[in-house]
């Protein structure tokens, strides 16, 4: 297993912050956020007492998200859609 790069570590942290904002907009208070290494992808799990929301990212998406001054709208859209599915 490869160790995460600085960009991936920073990207995960920033993606978690986005996920926490979307969770609060849906009235959720996550107990924790976990990352699963799925080999060629990473899965972020936002866990509450009632729900687990999963979002899958490629290593490139995570690293790109950490780039200064860049906004990855697709990554945000993935997170938003995962929380929107709870409303259905």
N, C-alpha and C. Protein backbone atom coordinates (compact mmCIF):
# COMPACT_ATOMS: atom_id res chain seq x y z
N UNK A 1 0.84 -1.18 0.00
CA UNK A 1 0.00 0.00 0.00
C UNK A 1 0.88 1.24 0.00
N UNK A 2 0.54 2.21 -0.84
CA UNK A 2 1.32 3.42 -0.94
C UNK A 2 0.94 4.40 0.17
N UNK A 3 1.90 5.13 0.66
CA UNK A 3 1.58 6.15 1.65
C UNK A 3 1.01 7.36 0.92
N UNK A 4 0.08 8.06 1.57
CA UNK A 4 -0.54 9.21 0.91
C UNK A 4 0.45 10.35 0.71
N UNK A 5 0.27 11.05 -0.39
CA UNK A 5 1.09 12.22 -0.63
C UNK A 5 0.55 13.38 0.18
N UNK A 6 1.34 14.44 0.26
CA UNK A 6 0.89 15.63 0.98
C UNK A 6 -0.39 16.20 0.36
N UNK A 7 -0.47 16.19 -0.99
CA UNK A 7 -1.66 16.69 -1.66
C UNK A 7 -2.89 15.84 -1.35
N UNK A 8 -2.70 14.52 -1.27
CA UNK A 8 -3.84 13.65 -0.95
C UNK A 8 -4.30 13.86 0.50
N UNK A 9 -3.36 14.02 1.40
CA UNK A 9 -3.72 14.26 2.80
C UNK A 9 -4.47 15.57 2.94
N UNK A 10 -3.98 16.61 2.29
CA UNK A 10 -4.64 17.92 2.34
C UNK A 10 -5.99 17.86 1.63
N UNK A 11 -6.05 17.18 0.50
CA UNK A 11 -7.30 17.05 -0.24
C UNK A 11 -8.37 16.34 0.58
N UNK A 12 -7.99 15.27 1.28
CA UNK A 12 -8.95 14.56 2.13
C UNK A 12 -9.49 15.47 3.22
N UNK A 13 -8.61 16.25 3.83
CA UNK A 13 -9.03 17.17 4.89
C UNK A 13 -10.03 18.19 4.35
N UNK A 14 -9.73 18.75 3.18
CA UNK A 14 -10.63 19.74 2.59
C UNK A 14 -11.96 19.12 2.17
N UNK A 15 -11.93 17.91 1.63
CA UNK A 15 -13.17 17.22 1.25
C UNK A 15 -14.01 16.90 2.48
N UNK A 16 -13.37 16.56 3.58
CA UNK A 16 -14.10 16.32 4.82
C UNK A 16 -14.80 17.59 5.28
N UNK A 17 -14.15 18.74 5.15
CA UNK A 17 -14.77 20.01 5.54
C UNK A 17 -16.02 20.28 4.70
N UNK A 18 -15.94 20.00 3.40
CA UNK A 18 -17.10 20.16 2.52
C UNK A 18 -18.22 19.22 2.96
N UNK A 19 -17.87 17.97 3.25
CA UNK A 19 -18.87 16.98 3.67
C UNK A 19 -19.54 17.42 4.97
N UNK A 20 -18.78 17.96 5.90
CA UNK A 20 -19.37 18.42 7.16
C UNK A 20 -20.33 19.59 6.93
N UNK A 21 -20.01 20.47 5.99
CA UNK A 21 -20.93 21.58 5.67
C UNK A 21 -22.24 21.04 5.09
N UNK A 22 -22.14 20.10 4.14
CA UNK A 22 -23.36 19.53 3.56
C UNK A 22 -24.14 18.76 4.61
N UNK A 23 -23.48 18.05 5.49
CA UNK A 23 -24.17 17.32 6.55
C UNK A 23 -24.96 18.28 7.43
N UNK A 24 -24.34 19.38 7.83
CA UNK A 24 -25.05 20.34 8.69
C UNK A 24 -26.22 20.96 7.96
N UNK A 25 -26.12 21.18 6.65
CA UNK A 25 -27.24 21.72 5.88
C UNK A 25 -28.42 20.75 5.84
N UNK A 26 -28.14 19.47 6.03
CA UNK A 26 -29.19 18.45 6.06
C UNK A 26 -29.58 18.08 7.49
N UNK A 27 -29.12 18.86 8.46
CA UNK A 27 -29.47 18.63 9.85
C UNK A 27 -28.76 17.45 10.48
N UNK A 28 -27.66 17.03 9.90
CA UNK A 28 -26.93 15.88 10.43
C UNK A 28 -25.69 16.34 11.19
N UNK A 29 -25.36 15.58 12.21
CA UNK A 29 -24.15 15.82 12.97
C UNK A 29 -23.34 14.53 12.96
N UNK A 30 -22.39 14.44 12.04
CA UNK A 30 -21.61 13.20 11.93
C UNK A 30 -20.84 12.87 13.19
N UNK A 31 -20.85 11.59 13.53
CA UNK A 31 -20.05 11.09 14.65
C UNK A 31 -18.59 11.02 14.24
N UNK A 32 -18.37 10.64 12.98
CA UNK A 32 -16.99 10.53 12.49
C UNK A 32 -16.99 10.43 10.97
N UNK A 33 -15.80 10.67 10.41
CA UNK A 33 -15.58 10.49 8.98
C UNK A 33 -14.41 9.52 8.84
N UNK A 34 -14.61 8.50 8.02
CA UNK A 34 -13.57 7.50 7.79
C UNK A 34 -13.24 7.45 6.31
N UNK A 35 -12.01 7.06 6.01
CA UNK A 35 -11.58 6.84 4.64
C UNK A 35 -11.20 5.38 4.48
N UNK A 36 -11.70 4.75 3.42
CA UNK A 36 -11.36 3.37 3.09
C UNK A 36 -10.51 3.37 1.83
N UNK A 37 -9.40 2.67 1.86
CA UNK A 37 -8.56 2.49 0.67
C UNK A 37 -9.15 1.33 -0.10
N UNK A 38 -9.67 1.63 -1.29
CA UNK A 38 -10.31 0.61 -2.11
C UNK A 38 -9.41 0.17 -3.26
N UNK A 39 -8.11 0.37 -3.08
CA UNK A 39 -7.15 0.01 -4.12
C UNK A 39 -6.91 1.16 -5.06
N UNK A 40 -7.72 1.26 -6.08
CA UNK A 40 -7.56 2.31 -7.07
C UNK A 40 -8.43 3.53 -6.77
N UNK A 41 -9.20 3.49 -5.69
CA UNK A 41 -10.06 4.59 -5.27
C UNK A 41 -10.04 4.69 -3.75
N UNK A 42 -10.56 5.80 -3.26
CA UNK A 42 -10.73 5.97 -1.81
C UNK A 42 -12.18 6.30 -1.54
N UNK A 43 -12.71 5.69 -0.51
CA UNK A 43 -14.09 5.94 -0.14
C UNK A 43 -14.15 6.73 1.16
N UNK A 44 -14.88 7.84 1.13
CA UNK A 44 -15.11 8.63 2.33
C UNK A 44 -16.48 8.24 2.88
N UNK A 45 -16.51 7.89 4.16
CA UNK A 45 -17.76 7.54 4.83
C UNK A 45 -18.03 8.58 5.90
N UNK A 46 -19.19 9.22 5.82
CA UNK A 46 -19.64 10.17 6.82
C UNK A 46 -20.68 9.42 7.64
N UNK A 47 -20.39 9.22 8.93
CA UNK A 47 -21.19 8.33 9.74
C UNK A 47 -21.92 9.10 10.84
N UNK A 48 -23.26 8.92 10.88
CA UNK A 48 -24.08 9.44 11.97
C UNK A 48 -24.75 8.25 12.63
N UNK A 49 -25.50 8.50 13.68
CA UNK A 49 -26.21 7.41 14.36
C UNK A 49 -27.24 6.75 13.43
N UNK A 50 -27.83 7.52 12.53
CA UNK A 50 -28.89 7.01 11.67
C UNK A 50 -28.46 6.67 10.24
N UNK A 51 -27.38 7.29 9.77
CA UNK A 51 -27.01 7.17 8.36
C UNK A 51 -25.50 6.99 8.19
N UNK A 52 -25.15 6.38 7.07
CA UNK A 52 -23.78 6.37 6.58
C UNK A 52 -23.84 6.82 5.14
N UNK A 53 -23.14 7.92 4.85
CA UNK A 53 -23.10 8.47 3.50
C UNK A 53 -21.73 8.14 2.94
N UNK A 54 -21.70 7.53 1.74
CA UNK A 54 -20.44 7.13 1.11
C UNK A 54 -20.22 7.92 -0.17
N UNK A 55 -18.98 8.36 -0.36
CA UNK A 55 -18.59 9.06 -1.58
C UNK A 55 -17.24 8.49 -2.01
N UNK A 56 -17.13 8.11 -3.28
CA UNK A 56 -15.91 7.51 -3.82
C UNK A 56 -15.14 8.54 -4.65
N UNK A 57 -13.83 8.61 -4.40
CA UNK A 57 -12.96 9.54 -5.13
C UNK A 57 -11.74 8.79 -5.66
N UNK A 58 -11.25 9.23 -6.81
CA UNK A 58 -9.99 8.72 -7.32
C UNK A 58 -8.85 9.45 -6.61
N UNK A 59 -7.66 8.87 -6.57
CA UNK A 59 -6.52 9.57 -5.97
C UNK A 59 -6.25 10.92 -6.63
N UNK A 60 -6.46 11.00 -7.94
CA UNK A 60 -6.26 12.27 -8.64
C UNK A 60 -7.26 13.33 -8.20
N UNK A 61 -8.52 12.93 -8.01
CA UNK A 61 -9.52 13.88 -7.53
C UNK A 61 -9.15 14.43 -6.17
N UNK A 62 -8.68 13.58 -5.30
CA UNK A 62 -8.30 14.00 -3.95
C UNK A 62 -7.11 14.95 -4.00
N UNK A 63 -6.09 14.58 -4.75
CA UNK A 63 -4.89 15.43 -4.85
C UNK A 63 -5.22 16.76 -5.52
N UNK A 64 -6.03 16.73 -6.56
CA UNK A 64 -6.40 17.96 -7.28
C UNK A 64 -7.15 18.91 -6.36
N UNK A 65 -7.98 18.36 -5.48
CA UNK A 65 -8.79 19.19 -4.60
C UNK A 65 -7.94 20.04 -3.67
N UNK A 66 -6.73 19.60 -3.40
CA UNK A 66 -5.86 20.34 -2.49
C UNK A 66 -5.12 21.48 -3.16
N UNK A 67 -5.17 21.54 -4.49
CA UNK A 67 -4.42 22.57 -5.21
C UNK A 67 -4.95 23.96 -4.85
N UNK A 68 -4.05 24.84 -4.54
CA UNK A 68 -4.42 26.19 -4.12
C UNK A 68 -5.17 26.93 -5.24
N UNK A 69 -6.26 27.56 -4.86
CA UNK A 69 -7.00 28.40 -5.80
C UNK A 69 -7.89 27.66 -6.77
N UNK A 70 -7.89 26.35 -6.75
CA UNK A 70 -8.73 25.59 -7.66
C UNK A 70 -9.94 25.04 -6.93
N UNK A 71 -11.06 25.06 -7.60
CA UNK A 71 -12.29 24.51 -7.02
C UNK A 71 -12.73 23.36 -7.91
N UNK A 72 -12.79 22.18 -7.34
CA UNK A 72 -13.24 21.02 -8.09
C UNK A 72 -14.75 20.87 -7.87
N UNK A 73 -15.51 21.42 -8.79
CA UNK A 73 -16.97 21.41 -8.65
C UNK A 73 -17.53 19.99 -8.70
N UNK A 74 -16.88 19.11 -9.46
CA UNK A 74 -17.38 17.74 -9.55
C UNK A 74 -17.25 17.00 -8.23
N UNK A 75 -16.18 17.24 -7.49
CA UNK A 75 -16.03 16.60 -6.19
C UNK A 75 -17.10 17.09 -5.23
N UNK A 76 -17.36 18.40 -5.25
CA UNK A 76 -18.42 18.95 -4.40
C UNK A 76 -19.78 18.40 -4.81
N UNK A 77 -19.98 18.25 -6.11
CA UNK A 77 -21.25 17.72 -6.61
C UNK A 77 -21.46 16.28 -6.15
N UNK A 78 -20.40 15.49 -6.13
CA UNK A 78 -20.51 14.11 -5.64
C UNK A 78 -20.98 14.09 -4.18
N UNK A 79 -20.39 14.96 -3.37
CA UNK A 79 -20.76 15.01 -1.96
C UNK A 79 -22.20 15.51 -1.81
N UNK A 80 -22.54 16.56 -2.52
CA UNK A 80 -23.89 17.11 -2.44
C UNK A 80 -24.93 16.07 -2.83
N UNK A 81 -24.67 15.36 -3.93
CA UNK A 81 -25.62 14.35 -4.39
C UNK A 81 -25.77 13.20 -3.40
N UNK A 82 -24.68 12.84 -2.74
CA UNK A 82 -24.76 11.76 -1.74
C UNK A 82 -25.68 12.16 -0.60
N UNK A 83 -25.61 13.41 -0.16
CA UNK A 83 -26.50 13.87 0.91
C UNK A 83 -27.91 14.09 0.39
N UNK A 84 -28.07 14.53 -0.85
CA UNK A 84 -29.40 14.74 -1.42
C UNK A 84 -30.16 13.42 -1.49
N UNK A 85 -29.46 12.31 -1.68
CA UNK A 85 -30.13 11.01 -1.76
C UNK A 85 -30.80 10.64 -0.44
N UNK A 86 -30.35 11.22 0.67
CA UNK A 86 -31.00 10.96 1.96
C UNK A 86 -32.41 11.54 2.01
N UNK A 87 -32.63 12.59 1.24
CA UNK A 87 -33.93 13.26 1.25
C UNK A 87 -35.00 12.51 0.49
N UNK A 88 -34.58 11.58 -0.34
CA UNK A 88 -35.54 10.85 -1.18
C UNK A 88 -36.24 9.77 -0.41
